[in-house]
Amino acid sequence: MEYITEAIKNEKSGEKIELKKTSDYQLPTELMEKFHADPDNKNTFNRLTPGRQRSYLLHFSGAKQPKTRRSGIDKAIEKIYQGKGYNEDDEQ
Protein backbone atom coordinates (compact mmCIF):
# COMPACT_ATOMS: atom_id res chain seq x y z
CA MET A 1 0.00 0.00 0.00
CA GLU A 2 2.97 2.28 0.65
CA TYR A 3 4.02 2.04 -2.99
CA ILE A 4 0.59 3.08 -4.19
CA THR A 5 0.51 6.09 -1.87
CA GLU A 6 3.98 7.12 -3.02
CA ALA A 7 3.03 6.69 -6.69
CA ILE A 8 -0.06 8.88 -6.24
CA LYS A 9 2.01 11.51 -4.46
CA ASN A 10 4.61 11.51 -7.25
CA GLU A 11 1.93 11.72 -9.93
CA LYS A 12 0.23 14.69 -8.25
CA SER A 13 3.52 16.54 -7.75
CA GLY A 14 4.49 16.01 -11.39
CA GLU A 15 7.76 14.43 -10.28
CA LYS A 16 9.46 12.47 -13.04
CA ILE A 17 10.87 9.09 -12.07
CA GLU A 18 13.96 8.05 -14.01
CA LEU A 19 13.50 4.46 -15.13
CA LYS A 20 16.51 2.22 -15.64
CA LYS A 21 17.44 1.55 -19.24
CA THR A 22 18.21 -1.97 -20.38
CA SER A 23 21.84 -0.91 -20.82
CA ASP A 24 21.95 -0.01 -17.10
CA TYR A 25 21.53 -3.69 -16.17
CA GLN A 26 24.67 -5.77 -15.83
CA LEU A 27 24.95 -8.86 -18.00
CA PRO A 28 25.60 -11.97 -15.90
CA THR A 29 29.00 -13.53 -16.60
CA GLU A 30 27.32 -16.78 -17.63
CA LEU A 31 25.26 -14.98 -20.27
CA MET A 32 28.37 -13.25 -21.63
CA GLU A 33 30.03 -16.68 -21.84
CA LYS A 34 27.06 -17.93 -23.86
CA PHE A 35 27.41 -14.92 -26.18
CA HIS A 36 31.15 -15.55 -26.68
CA ALA A 37 30.57 -19.25 -27.36
CA ASP A 38 28.09 -18.45 -30.14
CA PRO A 39 27.76 -14.86 -31.41
CA ASP A 40 24.34 -15.76 -32.85
CA ASN A 41 23.08 -16.02 -29.26
CA LYS A 42 24.07 -12.39 -28.68
CA ASN A 43 22.54 -11.20 -31.96
CA THR A 44 19.28 -12.99 -31.21
CA PHE A 45 19.15 -11.61 -27.66
CA ASN A 46 19.81 -8.09 -28.96
CA ARG A 47 16.89 -8.40 -31.39
CA LEU A 48 14.50 -8.81 -28.44
CA THR A 49 12.61 -5.73 -27.32
CA PRO A 50 14.23 -3.87 -24.40
CA GLY A 51 11.47 -5.08 -22.07
CA ARG A 52 12.04 -8.69 -23.01
CA GLN A 53 15.78 -8.28 -22.55
CA ARG A 54 15.21 -6.80 -19.08
CA SER A 55 12.90 -9.67 -18.12
CA TYR A 56 15.66 -12.17 -18.88
CA LEU A 57 18.38 -10.10 -17.22
CA LEU A 58 16.32 -9.76 -14.04
CA HIS A 59 15.54 -13.48 -14.04
CA PHE A 60 19.13 -14.58 -14.69
CA SER A 61 20.56 -12.16 -12.15
CA GLY A 62 18.18 -13.43 -9.48
CA ALA A 63 20.01 -16.75 -9.27
CA LYS A 64 22.72 -16.77 -6.62
CA GLN A 65 24.78 -19.67 -7.91
CA PRO A 66 26.59 -19.69 -11.29
CA LYS A 67 25.34 -23.23 -11.91
CA THR A 68 21.74 -22.07 -11.46
CA ARG A 69 22.29 -19.08 -13.78
CA ARG A 70 23.77 -21.34 -16.48
CA SER A 71 20.85 -23.72 -16.18
CA GLY A 72 18.34 -20.87 -16.44
CA ILE A 73 20.10 -19.45 -19.48
CA ASP A 74 20.22 -22.87 -21.16
CA LYS A 75 16.50 -23.34 -20.56
CA ALA A 76 15.67 -19.85 -21.86
CA ILE A 77 17.66 -19.97 -25.11
CA GLU A 78 14.83 -21.57 -27.09
CA LYS A 79 12.36 -18.87 -26.00
CA ILE A 80 14.90 -16.17 -26.82
CA TYR A 81 15.24 -17.58 -30.34
CA GLN A 82 11.43 -17.53 -30.59
CA GLY A 83 11.50 -13.82 -29.74
CA LYS A 84 9.60 -14.30 -26.49
CA GLY A 85 10.18 -12.70 -23.11
CA TYR A 86 10.84 -14.68 -19.96
CA ASN A 87 7.27 -14.36 -18.67
CA GLU A 88 5.57 -15.15 -21.97
CA ASP A 89 3.80 -18.46 -22.39
CA ASP A 90 5.07 -20.96 -24.92
CA GLU A 91 1.68 -20.94 -26.63
CA GLN A 92 1.72 -17.27 -27.63
PDB file of N, CA and C in Angstrom:
ATOM      1  N   MET A   1       0.829  -1.184   0.000  1.00  0.00           N
ATOM      2  CA  MET A   1       0.000   0.000   0.000  1.00  0.00           C
ATOM      3  C   MET A   1       0.875   1.250   0.000  1.00  0.00           C
ATOM      4  N   GLU A   2       2.050   1.152   0.612  1.00  0.00           N
ATOM      5  CA  GLU A   2       2.965   2.285   0.652  1.00  0.00           C
ATOM      6  C   GLU A   2       3.377   2.728  -0.746  1.00  0.00           C
ATOM      7  N   TYR A   3       3.608   1.737  -1.629  1.00  0.00           N
ATOM      8  CA  TYR A   3       4.024   2.045  -2.991  1.00  0.00           C
ATOM      9  C   TYR A   3       2.937   2.809  -3.744  1.00  0.00           C
ATOM     10  N   ILE A   4       1.705   2.418  -3.521  1.00  0.00           N
ATOM     11  CA  ILE A   4       0.585   3.080  -4.192  1.00  0.00           C
ATOM     12  C   ILE A   4       0.480   4.525  -3.725  1.00  0.00           C
ATOM     13  N   THR A   5       0.573   4.730  -2.428  1.00  0.00           N
ATOM     14  CA  THR A   5       0.507   6.085  -1.873  1.00  0.00           C
ATOM     15  C   THR A   5       1.639   6.946  -2.431  1.00  0.00           C
ATOM     16  N   GLU A   6       2.834   6.378  -2.490  1.00  0.00           N
ATOM     17  CA  GLU A   6       3.977   7.117  -3.022  1.00  0.00           C
ATOM     18  C   GLU A   6       3.791   7.430  -4.501  1.00  0.00           C
ATOM     19  N   ALA A   7       3.261   6.478  -5.258  1.00  0.00           N
ATOM     20  CA  ALA A   7       3.031   6.690  -6.686  1.00  0.00           C
ATOM     21  C   ALA A   7       2.011   7.808  -6.914  1.00  0.00           C
ATOM     22  N   ILE A   8       0.955   7.831  -6.123  1.00  0.00           N
ATOM     23  CA  ILE A   8      -0.060   8.881  -6.244  1.00  0.00           C
ATOM     24  C   ILE A   8       0.551  10.238  -5.919  1.00  0.00           C
ATOM     25  N   LYS A   9       1.347  10.271  -4.864  1.00  0.00           N
ATOM     26  CA  LYS A   9       2.008  11.515  -4.459  1.00  0.00           C
ATOM     27  C   LYS A   9       2.935  12.025  -5.568  1.00  0.00           C
ATOM     28  N   ASN A  10       3.707  11.121  -6.163  1.00  0.00           N
ATOM     29  CA  ASN A  10       4.612  11.506  -7.246  1.00  0.00           C
ATOM     30  C   ASN A  10       3.840  11.998  -8.466  1.00  0.00           C
ATOM     31  N   GLU A  11       2.753  11.340  -8.776  1.00  0.00           N
ATOM     32  CA  GLU A  11       1.934  11.724  -9.926  1.00  0.00           C
ATOM     33  C   GLU A  11       1.355  13.115  -9.724  1.00  0.00           C
ATOM     34  N   LYS A  12       0.827  13.389  -8.538  1.00  0.00           N
ATOM     35  CA  LYS A  12       0.232  14.694  -8.248  1.00  0.00           C
ATOM     36  C   LYS A  12       1.270  15.811  -8.263  1.00  0.00           C
ATOM     37  N   SER A  13       2.478  15.515  -7.806  1.00  0.00           N
ATOM     38  CA  SER A  13       3.521  16.536  -7.754  1.00  0.00           C
ATOM     39  C   SER A  13       4.163  16.776  -9.119  1.00  0.00           C
ATOM     40  N   GLY A  14       3.892  15.882 -10.069  1.00  0.00           N
ATOM     41  CA  GLY A  14       4.488  16.005 -11.390  1.00  0.00           C
ATOM     42  C   GLY A  14       5.934  15.539 -11.442  1.00  0.00           C
ATOM     43  N   GLU A  15       6.382  14.913 -10.357  1.00  0.00           N
ATOM     44  CA  GLU A  15       7.755  14.428 -10.282  1.00  0.00           C
ATOM     45  C   GLU A  15       7.993  13.349 -11.333  1.00  0.00           C
ATOM     46  N   LYS A  16       9.099  13.456 -12.032  1.00  0.00           N
ATOM     47  CA  LYS A  16       9.457  12.467 -13.040  1.00  0.00           C
ATOM     48  C   LYS A  16      10.397  11.440 -12.419  1.00  0.00           C
ATOM     49  N   ILE A  17      10.064  10.191 -12.590  1.00  0.00           N
ATOM     50  CA  ILE A  17      10.874   9.093 -12.067  1.00  0.00           C
ATOM     51  C   ILE A  17      11.742   8.572 -13.211  1.00  0.00           C
ATOM     52  N   GLU A  18      13.038   8.556 -13.019  1.00  0.00           N
ATOM     53  CA  GLU A  18      13.965   8.048 -14.008  1.00  0.00           C
ATOM     54  C   GLU A  18      13.938   6.526 -13.961  1.00  0.00           C
ATOM     55  N   LEU A  19      13.516   5.910 -15.049  1.00  0.00           N
ATOM     56  CA  LEU A  19      13.504   4.457 -15.134  1.00  0.00           C
ATOM     57  C   LEU A  19      14.847   3.967 -15.655  1.00  0.00           C
ATOM     58  N   LYS A  20      15.255   2.803 -15.184  1.00  0.00           N
ATOM     59  CA  LYS A  20      16.509   2.225 -15.642  1.00  0.00           C
ATOM     60  C   LYS A  20      16.354   1.782 -17.095  1.00  0.00           C
ATOM     61  N   LYS A  21      17.398   2.032 -17.869  1.00  0.00           N
ATOM     62  CA  LYS A  21      17.436   1.553 -19.241  1.00  0.00           C
ATOM     63  C   LYS A  21      17.983   0.130 -19.228  1.00  0.00           C
ATOM     64  N   THR A  22      17.708  -0.599 -20.281  1.00  0.00           N
ATOM     65  CA  THR A  22      18.215  -1.969 -20.381  1.00  0.00           C
ATOM     66  C   THR A  22      19.739  -1.972 -20.283  1.00  0.00           C
ATOM     67  N   SER A  23      20.374  -0.970 -20.852  1.00  0.00           N
ATOM     68  CA  SER A  23      21.843  -0.911 -20.822  1.00  0.00           C
ATOM     69  C   SER A  23      22.387  -0.673 -19.415  1.00  0.00           C
ATOM     70  N   ASP A  24      21.521  -0.229 -18.486  1.00  0.00           N
ATOM     71  CA  ASP A  24      21.952  -0.013 -17.096  1.00  0.00           C
ATOM     72  C   ASP A  24      22.076  -1.324 -16.324  1.00  0.00           C
ATOM     73  N   TYR A  25      21.475  -2.391 -16.844  1.00  0.00           N
ATOM     74  CA  TYR A  25      21.531  -3.691 -16.172  1.00  0.00           C
ATOM     75  C   TYR A  25      22.819  -4.398 -16.562  1.00  0.00           C
ATOM     76  N   GLN A  26      23.426  -5.047 -15.587  1.00  0.00           N
ATOM     77  CA  GLN A  26      24.667  -5.769 -15.833  1.00  0.00           C
ATOM     78  C   GLN A  26      24.357  -7.152 -16.397  1.00  0.00           C
ATOM     79  N   LEU A  27      25.100  -7.529 -17.432  1.00  0.00           N
ATOM     80  CA  LEU A  27      24.947  -8.862 -18.001  1.00  0.00           C
ATOM     81  C   LEU A  27      25.639  -9.869 -17.089  1.00  0.00           C
ATOM     82  N   PRO A  28      24.945 -10.933 -16.708  1.00  0.00           N
ATOM     83  CA  PRO A  28      25.600 -11.967 -15.904  1.00  0.00           C
ATOM     84  C   PRO A  28      26.769 -12.586 -16.688  1.00  0.00           C
ATOM     85  N   THR A  29      27.807 -12.934 -15.987  1.00  0.00           N
ATOM     86  CA  THR A  29      28.996 -13.528 -16.603  1.00  0.00           C
ATOM     87  C   THR A  29      28.626 -14.749 -17.437  1.00  0.00           C
ATOM     88  N   GLU A  30      27.714 -15.552 -16.932  1.00  0.00           N
ATOM     89  CA  GLU A  30      27.319 -16.784 -17.630  1.00  0.00           C
ATOM     90  C   GLU A  30      26.638 -16.469 -18.963  1.00  0.00           C
ATOM     91  N   LEU A  31      25.904 -15.370 -19.023  1.00  0.00           N
ATOM     92  CA  LEU A  31      25.261 -14.979 -20.274  1.00  0.00           C
ATOM     93  C   LEU A  31      26.316 -14.466 -21.258  1.00  0.00           C
ATOM     94  N   MET A  32      27.278 -13.727 -20.762  1.00  0.00           N
ATOM     95  CA  MET A  32      28.366 -13.250 -21.626  1.00  0.00           C
ATOM     96  C   MET A  32      29.161 -14.431 -22.184  1.00  0.00           C
ATOM     97  N   GLU A  33      29.343 -15.466 -21.368  1.00  0.00           N
ATOM     98  CA  GLU A  33      30.030 -16.675 -21.840  1.00  0.00           C
ATOM     99  C   GLU A  33      29.249 -17.320 -22.975  1.00  0.00           C
ATOM    100  N   LYS A  34      27.932 -17.355 -22.827  1.00  0.00           N
ATOM    101  CA  LYS A  34      27.065 -17.933 -23.861  1.00  0.00           C
ATOM    102  C   LYS A  34      27.170 -17.116 -25.153  1.00  0.00           C
ATOM    103  N   PHE A  35      27.266 -15.790 -25.023  1.00  0.00           N
ATOM    104  CA  PHE A  35      27.410 -14.915 -26.184  1.00  0.00           C
ATOM    105  C   PHE A  35      28.749 -15.149 -26.882  1.00  0.00           C
ATOM    106  N   HIS A  36      29.822 -15.333 -26.096  1.00  0.00           N
ATOM    107  CA  HIS A  36      31.148 -15.554 -26.680  1.00  0.00           C
ATOM    108  C   HIS A  36      31.227 -16.924 -27.351  1.00  0.00           C
ATOM    109  N   ALA A  37      30.551 -17.905 -26.792  1.00  0.00           N
ATOM    110  CA  ALA A  37      30.575 -19.250 -27.358  1.00  0.00           C
ATOM    111  C   ALA A  37      29.887 -19.287 -28.720  1.00  0.00           C
ATOM    112  N   ASP A  38      28.829 -18.488 -28.882  1.00  0.00           N
ATOM    113  CA  ASP A  38      28.092 -18.448 -30.144  1.00  0.00           C
ATOM    114  C   ASP A  38      27.549 -17.036 -30.345  1.00  0.00           C
ATOM    115  N   PRO A  39      28.193 -16.246 -31.192  1.00  0.00           N
ATOM    116  CA  PRO A  39      27.756 -14.863 -31.408  1.00  0.00           C
ATOM    117  C   PRO A  39      26.299 -14.745 -31.861  1.00  0.00           C
ATOM    118  N   ASP A  40      25.753 -15.796 -32.447  1.00  0.00           N
ATOM    119  CA  ASP A  40      24.340 -15.763 -32.853  1.00  0.00           C
ATOM    120  C   ASP A  40      23.428 -15.621 -31.636  1.00  0.00           C
ATOM    121  N   ASN A  41      23.858 -16.178 -30.495  1.00  0.00           N
ATOM    122  CA  ASN A  41      23.078 -16.018 -29.256  1.00  0.00           C
ATOM    123  C   ASN A  41      22.956 -14.544 -28.896  1.00  0.00           C
ATOM    124  N   LYS A  42      24.060 -13.819 -29.007  1.00  0.00           N
ATOM    125  CA  LYS A  42      24.065 -12.394 -28.676  1.00  0.00           C
ATOM    126  C   LYS A  42      23.195 -11.611 -29.659  1.00  0.00           C
ATOM    127  N   ASN A  43      23.337 -11.899 -30.940  1.00  0.00           N
ATOM    128  CA  ASN A  43      22.540 -11.204 -31.957  1.00  0.00           C
ATOM    129  C   ASN A  43      21.041 -11.432 -31.747  1.00  0.00           C
ATOM    130  N   THR A  44      20.684 -12.661 -31.433  1.00  0.00           N
ATOM    131  CA  THR A  44      19.284 -12.991 -31.207  1.00  0.00           C
ATOM    132  C   THR A  44      18.766 -12.287 -29.959  1.00  0.00           C
ATOM    133  N   PHE A  45      19.538 -12.293 -28.895  1.00  0.00           N
ATOM    134  CA  PHE A  45      19.147 -11.608 -27.658  1.00  0.00           C
ATOM    135  C   PHE A  45      18.966 -10.111 -27.914  1.00  0.00           C
ATOM    136  N   ASN A  46      19.879  -9.519 -28.676  1.00  0.00           N
ATOM    137  CA  ASN A  46      19.810  -8.087 -28.964  1.00  0.00           C
ATOM    138  C   ASN A  46      18.628  -7.706 -29.845  1.00  0.00           C
ATOM    139  N   ARG A  47      18.072  -8.672 -30.567  1.00  0.00           N
ATOM    140  CA  ARG A  47      16.886  -8.399 -31.388  1.00  0.00           C
ATOM    141  C   ARG A  47      15.600  -8.374 -30.560  1.00  0.00           C
ATOM    142  N   LEU A  48      15.667  -8.878 -29.328  1.00  0.00           N
ATOM    143  CA  LEU A  48      14.497  -8.810 -28.445  1.00  0.00           C
ATOM    144  C   LEU A  48      14.201  -7.360 -28.101  1.00  0.00           C
ATOM    145  N   THR A  49      12.952  -7.076 -27.764  1.00  0.00           N
ATOM    146  CA  THR A  49      12.609  -5.726 -27.316  1.00  0.00           C
ATOM    147  C   THR A  49      13.334  -5.459 -25.997  1.00  0.00           C
ATOM    148  N   PRO A  50      13.552  -4.184 -25.666  1.00  0.00           N
ATOM    149  CA  PRO A  50      14.229  -3.872 -24.404  1.00  0.00           C
ATOM    150  C   PRO A  50      13.518  -4.474 -23.190  1.00  0.00           C
ATOM    151  N   GLY A  51      12.211  -4.499 -23.190  1.00  0.00           N
ATOM    152  CA  GLY A  51      11.474  -5.077 -22.065  1.00  0.00           C
ATOM    153  C   GLY A  51      11.710  -6.571 -21.927  1.00  0.00           C
ATOM    154  N   ARG A  52      11.771  -7.252 -23.050  1.00  0.00           N
ATOM    155  CA  ARG A  52      12.040  -8.692 -23.010  1.00  0.00           C
ATOM    156  C   ARG A  52      13.472  -8.952 -22.548  1.00  0.00           C
ATOM    157  N   GLN A  53      14.403  -8.133 -23.009  1.00  0.00           N
ATOM    158  CA  GLN A  53      15.783  -8.280 -22.548  1.00  0.00           C
ATOM    159  C   GLN A  53      15.859  -8.090 -21.035  1.00  0.00           C
ATOM    160  N   ARG A  54      15.189  -7.053 -20.534  1.00  0.00           N
ATOM    161  CA  ARG A  54      15.206  -6.799 -19.084  1.00  0.00           C
ATOM    162  C   ARG A  54      14.602  -7.970 -18.313  1.00  0.00           C
ATOM    163  N   SER A  55      13.524  -8.560 -18.848  1.00  0.00           N
ATOM    164  CA  SER A  55      12.898  -9.670 -18.120  1.00  0.00           C
ATOM    165  C   SER A  55      13.875 -10.824 -17.955  1.00  0.00           C
ATOM    166  N   TYR A  56      14.654 -11.114 -18.987  1.00  0.00           N
ATOM    167  CA  TYR A  56      15.658 -12.175 -18.882  1.00  0.00           C
ATOM    168  C   TYR A  56      16.791 -11.771 -17.941  1.00  0.00           C
ATOM    169  N   LEU A  57      17.272 -10.541 -18.071  1.00  0.00           N
ATOM    170  CA  LEU A  57      18.380 -10.100 -17.219  1.00  0.00           C
ATOM    171  C   LEU A  57      17.995 -10.144 -15.742  1.00  0.00           C
ATOM    172  N   LEU A  58      16.785  -9.714 -15.433  1.00  0.00           N
ATOM    173  CA  LEU A  58      16.319  -9.764 -14.040  1.00  0.00           C
ATOM    174  C   LEU A  58      16.212 -11.203 -13.558  1.00  0.00           C
ATOM    175  N   HIS A  59      15.686 -12.068 -14.414  1.00  0.00           N
ATOM    176  CA  HIS A  59      15.545 -13.476 -14.036  1.00  0.00           C
ATOM    177  C   HIS A  59      16.914 -14.133 -13.835  1.00  0.00           C
ATOM    178  N   PHE A  60      17.809 -13.956 -14.792  1.00  0.00           N
ATOM    179  CA  PHE A  60      19.129 -14.582 -14.692  1.00  0.00           C
ATOM    180  C   PHE A  60      19.899 -14.050 -13.486  1.00  0.00           C
ATOM    181  N   SER A  61      19.823 -12.771 -13.246  1.00  0.00           N
ATOM    182  CA  SER A  61      20.562 -12.156 -12.145  1.00  0.00           C
ATOM    183  C   SER A  61      20.011 -12.547 -10.779  1.00  0.00           C
ATOM    184  N   GLY A  62      18.789 -13.029 -10.747  1.00  0.00           N
ATOM    185  CA  GLY A  62      18.179 -13.425  -9.483  1.00  0.00           C
ATOM    186  C   GLY A  62      18.772 -14.698  -8.900  1.00  0.00           C
ATOM    187  N   ALA A  63      19.394 -15.503  -9.749  1.00  0.00           N
ATOM    188  CA  ALA A  63      20.009 -16.748  -9.274  1.00  0.00           C
ATOM    189  C   ALA A  63      21.318 -16.428  -8.562  1.00  0.00           C
ATOM    190  N   LYS A  64      21.530 -17.060  -7.421  1.00  0.00           N
ATOM    191  CA  LYS A  64      22.720 -16.766  -6.621  1.00  0.00           C
ATOM    192  C   LYS A  64      23.931 -17.591  -7.047  1.00  0.00           C
ATOM    193  N   GLN A  65      23.695 -18.767  -7.563  1.00  0.00           N
ATOM    194  CA  GLN A  65      24.784 -19.669  -7.913  1.00  0.00           C
ATOM    195  C   GLN A  65      25.025 -19.656  -9.430  1.00  0.00           C
ATOM    196  N   PRO A  66      26.286 -19.653  -9.851  1.00  0.00           N
ATOM    197  CA  PRO A  66      26.588 -19.688 -11.288  1.00  0.00           C
ATOM    198  C   PRO A  66      25.941 -20.884 -11.991  1.00  0.00           C
ATOM    199  N   LYS A  67      25.930 -22.014 -11.319  1.00  0.00           N
ATOM    200  CA  LYS A  67      25.336 -23.232 -11.910  1.00  0.00           C
ATOM    201  C   LYS A  67      23.850 -23.005 -12.203  1.00  0.00           C
ATOM    202  N   THR A  68      23.161 -22.346 -11.293  1.00  0.00           N
ATOM    203  CA  THR A  68      21.739 -22.067 -11.465  1.00  0.00           C
ATOM    204  C   THR A  68      21.530 -21.066 -12.596  1.00  0.00           C
ATOM    205  N   ARG A  69      22.389 -20.050 -12.688  1.00  0.00           N
ATOM    206  CA  ARG A  69      22.289 -19.075 -13.778  1.00  0.00           C
ATOM    207  C   ARG A  69      22.497 -19.761 -15.123  1.00  0.00           C
ATOM    208  N   ARG A  70      23.510 -20.618 -15.215  1.00  0.00           N
ATOM    209  CA  ARG A  70      23.771 -21.342 -16.475  1.00  0.00           C
ATOM    210  C   ARG A  70      22.571 -22.192 -16.872  1.00  0.00           C
ATOM    211  N   SER A  71      22.006 -22.871 -15.905  1.00  0.00           N
ATOM    212  CA  SER A  71      20.845 -23.718 -16.176  1.00  0.00           C
ATOM    213  C   SER A  71      19.664 -22.877 -16.669  1.00  0.00           C
ATOM    214  N   GLY A  72      19.434 -21.746 -16.027  1.00  0.00           N
ATOM    215  CA  GLY A  72      18.340 -20.865 -16.440  1.00  0.00           C
ATOM    216  C   GLY A  72      18.545 -20.318 -17.839  1.00  0.00           C
ATOM    217  N   ILE A  73      19.781 -19.970 -18.145  1.00  0.00           N
ATOM    218  CA  ILE A  73      20.100 -19.453 -19.478  1.00  0.00           C
ATOM    219  C   ILE A  73      19.898 -20.547 -20.516  1.00  0.00           C
ATOM    220  N   ASP A  74      20.385 -21.754 -20.219  1.00  0.00           N
ATOM    221  CA  ASP A  74      20.219 -22.873 -21.155  1.00  0.00           C
ATOM    222  C   ASP A  74      18.745 -23.158 -21.425  1.00  0.00           C
ATOM    223  N   LYS A  75      17.929 -23.081 -20.394  1.00  0.00           N
ATOM    224  CA  LYS A  75      16.498 -23.345 -20.558  1.00  0.00           C
ATOM    225  C   LYS A  75      15.800 -22.224 -21.332  1.00  0.00           C
ATOM    226  N   ALA A  76      16.329 -21.002 -21.239  1.00  0.00           N
ATOM    227  CA  ALA A  76      15.672 -19.847 -21.858  1.00  0.00           C
ATOM    228  C   ALA A  76      16.066 -19.633 -23.317  1.00  0.00           C
ATOM    229  N   ILE A  77      17.151 -20.230 -23.758  1.00  0.00           N
ATOM    230  CA  ILE A  77      17.664 -19.968 -25.110  1.00  0.00           C
ATOM    231  C   ILE A  77      16.602 -20.206 -26.181  1.00  0.00           C
ATOM    232  N   GLU A  78      15.846 -21.271 -26.073  1.00  0.00           N
ATOM    233  CA  GLU A  78      14.830 -21.566 -27.092  1.00  0.00           C
ATOM    234  C   GLU A  78      13.788 -20.448 -27.175  1.00  0.00           C
ATOM    235  N   LYS A  79      13.337 -19.961 -26.014  1.00  0.00           N
ATOM    236  CA  LYS A  79      12.356 -18.874 -26.004  1.00  0.00           C
ATOM    237  C   LYS A  79      12.960 -17.587 -26.559  1.00  0.00           C
ATOM    238  N   ILE A  80      14.222 -17.356 -26.281  1.00  0.00           N
ATOM    239  CA  ILE A  80      14.896 -16.171 -26.819  1.00  0.00           C
ATOM    240  C   ILE A  80      14.905 -16.243 -28.341  1.00  0.00           C
ATOM    241  N   TYR A  81      15.224 -17.408 -28.887  1.00  0.00           N
ATOM    242  CA  TYR A  81      15.237 -17.582 -30.343  1.00  0.00           C
ATOM    243  C   TYR A  81      13.836 -17.456 -30.940  1.00  0.00           C
ATOM    244  N   GLN A  82      12.814 -17.700 -30.130  1.00  0.00           N
ATOM    245  CA  GLN A  82      11.431 -17.530 -30.588  1.00  0.00           C
ATOM    246  C   GLN A  82      10.976 -16.077 -30.475  1.00  0.00           C
ATOM    247  N   GLY A  83      11.822 -15.234 -29.891  1.00  0.00           N
ATOM    248  CA  GLY A  83      11.500 -13.820 -29.744  1.00  0.00           C
ATOM    249  C   GLY A  83      10.573 -13.526 -28.578  1.00  0.00           C
ATOM    250  N   LYS A  84      10.509 -14.453 -27.631  1.00  0.00           N
ATOM    251  CA  LYS A  84       9.603 -14.302 -26.491  1.00  0.00           C
ATOM    252  C   LYS A  84      10.351 -13.831 -25.249  1.00  0.00           C
ATOM    253  N   GLY A  85       9.639 -13.123 -24.385  1.00  0.00           N
ATOM    254  CA  GLY A  85      10.180 -12.700 -23.110  1.00  0.00           C
ATOM    255  C   GLY A  85      10.113 -13.825 -22.098  1.00  0.00           C
ATOM    256  N   TYR A  86      10.786 -13.641 -20.981  1.00  0.00           N
ATOM    257  CA  TYR A  86      10.838 -14.684 -19.958  1.00  0.00           C
ATOM    258  C   TYR A  86       9.456 -15.066 -19.447  1.00  0.00           C
ATOM    259  N   ASN A  87       8.594 -14.094 -19.264  1.00  0.00           N
ATOM    260  CA  ASN A  87       7.270 -14.356 -18.672  1.00  0.00           C
ATOM    261  C   ASN A  87       6.197 -14.703 -19.703  1.00  0.00           C
ATOM    262  N   GLU A  88       6.564 -14.834 -20.952  1.00  0.00           N
ATOM    263  CA  GLU A  88       5.568 -15.154 -21.971  1.00  0.00           C
ATOM    264  C   GLU A  88       5.365 -16.659 -22.063  1.00  0.00           C
ATOM    265  N   ASP A  89       4.122 -17.035 -22.270  1.00  0.00           N
ATOM    266  CA  ASP A  89       3.801 -18.459 -22.390  1.00  0.00           C
ATOM    267  C   ASP A  89       4.339 -19.007 -23.697  1.00  0.00           C
ATOM    268  N   ASP A  90       4.586 -20.300 -23.712  1.00  0.00           N
ATOM    269  CA  ASP A  90       5.070 -20.959 -24.916  1.00  0.00           C
ATOM    270  C   ASP A  90       4.020 -20.996 -26.013  1.00  0.00           C
ATOM    271  N   GLU A  91       2.767 -20.816 -25.656  1.00  0.00           N
ATOM    272  CA  GLU A  91       1.681 -20.940 -26.635  1.00  0.00           C
ATOM    273  C   GLU A  91       1.369 -19.641 -27.349  1.00  0.00           C
ATOM    274  N   GLN A  92       2.026 -18.541 -26.998  1.00  0.00           N
ATOM    275  CA  GLN A  92       1.718 -17.270 -27.633  1.00  0.00           C
ATOM    276  C   GLN A  92       2.362 -17.161 -28.981  1.00  0.00           C
TER     277      GLN A  92
END
